[in-house]
Amino acid sequence: MPSSHCWSLLIGASRVRSGRRTFSRGDDRLIQQITTEHFPDGYTILRASGGWFDPAQHKFVREESRQVLICGARLPAVRRWARRLGAALHQKELLLIAHGRGVPLVVSSSARP
């Protein structure tokens, strides 16, 4: 895999407040801290909103999300970072997209880094 490969990691909020899933300031700090430790050359974090259908509750749940963009990293380093973020943010899974490859990877945060 070329070293100039770019990745997007999509993270949904896990905290519920006022009927919505939101990120706390602490969550945002964790994302920045962990990402900086793994990719000190730089990254971009985009704030977004969206939602998903919860079949258990039979309703659409709105939530904040973050998309973290990094370039120049190889897959093993990206997986270690994604698993660490997932564990720190109590995520069951994260969506990792390799730009230019067209195949998204789902990274389980319960797996050992």
C-alpha atoms as a PDB file:
ATOM      1  CA  MET A   1       0.000   0.000   0.000  1.00  0.00           C
ATOM      2  CA  PRO A   2       1.492   3.395  -0.924  1.00  0.00           C
ATOM      3  CA  SER A   3       2.533   5.678   1.908  1.00  0.00           C
ATOM      4  CA  SER A   4       0.425   8.516   0.476  1.00  0.00           C
ATOM      5  CA  HIS A   5      -2.808   6.631   1.117  1.00  0.00           C
ATOM      6  CA  CYS A   6      -5.636   8.613   2.769  1.00  0.00           C
ATOM      7  CA  TRP A   7      -8.169   7.353   5.282  1.00  0.00           C
ATOM      8  CA  SER A   8     -11.451   8.521   6.829  1.00  0.00           C
ATOM      9  CA  LEU A   9     -12.639   7.266  10.183  1.00  0.00           C
ATOM     10  CA  LEU A  10     -16.321   7.820  10.989  1.00  0.00           C
ATOM     11  CA  ILE A  11     -17.305   7.989  14.662  1.00  0.00           C
ATOM     12  CA  GLY A  12     -20.846   8.296  16.004  1.00  0.00           C
ATOM     13  CA  ALA A  13     -21.581   9.895  19.358  1.00  0.00           C
ATOM     14  CA  SER A  14     -22.291   7.475  22.185  1.00  0.00           C
ATOM     15  CA  ARG A  15     -23.613   9.895  24.814  1.00  0.00           C
ATOM     16  CA  VAL A  16     -27.366  10.619  24.885  1.00  0.00           C
ATOM     17  CA  ARG A  17     -28.461  14.110  25.922  1.00  0.00           C
ATOM     18  CA  SER A  18     -31.879  15.696  25.330  1.00  0.00           C
ATOM     19  CA  GLY A  19     -32.944  12.749  23.188  1.00  0.00           C
ATOM     20  CA  ARG A  20     -29.936  13.059  20.880  1.00  0.00           C
ATOM     21  CA  ARG A  21     -26.552  11.419  20.772  1.00  0.00           C
ATOM     22  CA  THR A  22     -23.911  14.095  21.277  1.00  0.00           C
ATOM     23  CA  PHE A  23     -20.160  14.437  21.712  1.00  0.00           C
ATOM     24  CA  SER A  24     -18.886  15.928  24.942  1.00  0.00           C
ATOM     25  CA  ARG A  25     -15.898  18.265  25.039  1.00  0.00           C
ATOM     26  CA  GLY A  26     -14.025  15.397  26.651  1.00  0.00           C
ATOM     27  CA  ASP A  27     -14.826  13.130  23.684  1.00  0.00           C
ATOM     28  CA  ASP A  28     -13.521  15.761  21.272  1.00  0.00           C
ATOM     29  CA  ARG A  29     -10.363  16.190  23.360  1.00  0.00           C
ATOM     30  CA  LEU A  30      -9.799  12.415  23.360  1.00  0.00           C
ATOM     31  CA  ILE A  31     -10.144  12.279  19.577  1.00  0.00           C
ATOM     32  CA  GLN A  32      -7.591  15.078  19.177  1.00  0.00           C
ATOM     33  CA  GLN A  33      -5.184  13.718  21.799  1.00  0.00           C
ATOM     34  CA  ILE A  34      -5.147  10.137  20.514  1.00  0.00           C
ATOM     35  CA  THR A  35      -5.020  11.189  16.864  1.00  0.00           C
ATOM     36  CA  THR A  36      -2.142  13.601  17.527  1.00  0.00           C
ATOM     37  CA  GLU A  37      -0.182  10.859  19.314  1.00  0.00           C
ATOM     38  CA  HIS A  38      -0.600   8.485  16.375  1.00  0.00           C
ATOM     39  CA  PHE A  39      -0.306  11.025  13.526  1.00  0.00           C
ATOM     40  CA  PRO A  40       1.737  14.034  14.701  1.00  0.00           C
ATOM     41  CA  ASP A  41       2.238  15.276  11.120  1.00  0.00           C
ATOM     42  CA  GLY A  42      -1.400  16.331  10.928  1.00  0.00           C
ATOM     43  CA  TYR A  43      -5.025  15.380  10.406  1.00  0.00           C
ATOM     44  CA  THR A  44      -8.436  16.970   9.873  1.00  0.00           C
ATOM     45  CA  ILE A  45     -11.548  16.493  12.013  1.00  0.00           C
ATOM     46  CA  LEU A  46     -14.940  17.294  10.499  1.00  0.00           C
ATOM     47  CA  ARG A  47     -18.052  17.773  12.648  1.00  0.00           C
ATOM     48  CA  ALA A  48     -21.254  16.356  11.216  1.00  0.00           C
ATOM     49  CA  SER A  49     -24.781  15.367  12.120  1.00  0.00           C
ATOM     50  CA  GLY A  50     -26.882  12.495  10.931  1.00  0.00           C
ATOM     51  CA  GLY A  51     -28.773   9.542  12.236  1.00  0.00           C
ATOM     52  CA  TRP A  52     -29.703   5.901  11.973  1.00  0.00           C
ATOM     53  CA  PHE A  53     -32.726   3.672  12.493  1.00  0.00           C
ATOM     54  CA  ASP A  54     -32.744   1.835  15.826  1.00  0.00           C
ATOM     55  CA  PRO A  55     -34.729  -1.372  15.263  1.00  0.00           C
ATOM     56  CA  ALA A  56     -34.993  -2.067  19.012  1.00  0.00           C
ATOM     57  CA  GLN A  57     -36.738   1.277  19.623  1.00  0.00           C
ATOM     58  CA  HIS A  58     -38.450   1.402  16.207  1.00  0.00           C
ATOM     59  CA  LYS A  59     -37.358   4.983  15.657  1.00  0.00           C
ATOM     60  CA  PHE A  60     -34.794   7.146  13.888  1.00  0.00           C
ATOM     61  CA  VAL A  61     -32.057   8.351  16.254  1.00  0.00           C
ATOM     62  CA  ARG A  62     -30.305  11.626  15.447  1.00  0.00           C
ATOM     63  CA  GLU A  63     -26.665  11.981  16.412  1.00  0.00           C
ATOM     64  CA  GLU A  64     -23.560  14.064  16.063  1.00  0.00           C
ATOM     65  CA  SER A  65     -20.616  12.423  14.377  1.00  0.00           C
ATOM     66  CA  ARG A  66     -16.990  13.074  13.585  1.00  0.00           C
ATOM     67  CA  GLN A  67     -14.999  12.237  10.490  1.00  0.00           C
ATOM     68  CA  VAL A  68     -11.244  12.129  10.970  1.00  0.00           C
ATOM     69  CA  LEU A  69      -9.093  12.364   7.825  1.00  0.00           C
ATOM     70  CA  ILE A  70      -5.467  11.249   7.768  1.00  0.00           C
ATOM     71  CA  CYS A  71      -2.973  10.703   4.962  1.00  0.00           C
ATOM     72  CA  GLY A  72       0.308   8.886   4.612  1.00  0.00           C
ATOM     73  CA  ALA A  73      -0.383   6.087   7.073  1.00  0.00           C
ATOM     74  CA  ARG A  74      -0.202   2.362   6.477  1.00  0.00           C
ATOM     75  CA  LEU A  75      -3.033   0.026   7.451  1.00  0.00           C
ATOM     76  CA  PRO A  76      -1.443  -1.497  10.619  1.00  0.00           C
ATOM     77  CA  ALA A  77      -0.882   1.980  12.110  1.00  0.00           C
ATOM     78  CA  VAL A  78      -4.387   3.065  11.149  1.00  0.00           C
ATOM     79  CA  ARG A  79      -5.928  -0.033  12.741  1.00  0.00           C
ATOM     80  CA  ARG A  80      -4.021   0.531  16.014  1.00  0.00           C
ATOM     81  CA  TRP A  81      -5.225   4.150  16.105  1.00  0.00           C
ATOM     82  CA  ALA A  82      -8.830   3.253  15.243  1.00  0.00           C
ATOM     83  CA  ARG A  83      -8.990   0.524  17.884  1.00  0.00           C
ATOM     84  CA  ARG A  84      -7.542   2.833  20.521  1.00  0.00           C
ATOM     85  CA  LEU A  85     -10.068   5.550  19.642  1.00  0.00           C
ATOM     86  CA  GLY A  86     -12.926   3.066  19.626  1.00  0.00           C
ATOM     87  CA  ALA A  87     -11.998   1.734  23.054  1.00  0.00           C
ATOM     88  CA  ALA A  88     -11.526   5.234  24.523  1.00  0.00           C
ATOM     89  CA  LEU A  89     -14.913   6.382  23.176  1.00  0.00           C
ATOM     90  CA  HIS A  90     -16.726   3.115  24.065  1.00  0.00           C
ATOM     91  CA  GLN A  91     -17.629   2.386  20.446  1.00  0.00           C
ATOM     92  CA  LYS A  92     -18.751  -1.079  19.364  1.00  0.00           C
ATOM     93  CA  GLU A  93     -17.420  -0.508  15.862  1.00  0.00           C
ATOM     94  CA  LEU A  94     -16.080   2.258  13.647  1.00  0.00           C
ATOM     95  CA  LEU A  95     -16.236   2.711   9.894  1.00  0.00           C
ATOM     96  CA  LEU A  96     -12.810   3.156   8.315  1.00  0.00           C
ATOM     97  CA  ILE A  97     -12.689   4.149   4.649  1.00  0.00           C
ATOM     98  CA  ALA A  98      -9.545   3.803   2.555  1.00  0.00           C
ATOM     99  CA  HIS A  99      -9.781   6.544  -0.077  1.00  0.00           C
ATOM    100  CA  GLY A 100      -8.900   5.369  -3.528  1.00  0.00           C
ATOM    101  CA  ARG A 101      -9.542   1.722  -2.708  1.00  0.00           C
ATOM    102  CA  GLY A 102     -13.338   1.849  -2.694  1.00  0.00           C
ATOM    103  CA  VAL A 103     -13.698  -0.748   0.053  1.00  0.00           C
ATOM    104  CA  PRO A 104     -14.648   0.391   3.584  1.00  0.00           C
ATOM    105  CA  LEU A 105     -13.304  -1.547   6.545  1.00  0.00           C
ATOM    106  CA  VAL A 106     -15.206  -1.994   9.790  1.00  0.00           C
ATOM    107  CA  VAL A 107     -12.841  -1.925  12.751  1.00  0.00           C
ATOM    108  CA  SER A 108     -14.058  -3.536  15.945  1.00  0.00           C
ATOM    109  CA  SER A 109     -12.853  -1.658  19.011  1.00  0.00           C
ATOM    110  CA  SER A 110     -13.243  -4.771  21.132  1.00  0.00           C
ATOM    111  CA  ALA A 111     -10.350  -6.435  19.318  1.00  0.00           C
ATOM    112  CA  ARG A 112      -6.930  -6.026  20.864  1.00  0.00           C
ATOM    113  CA  PRO A 113      -4.788  -3.283  19.227  1.00  0.00           C
END
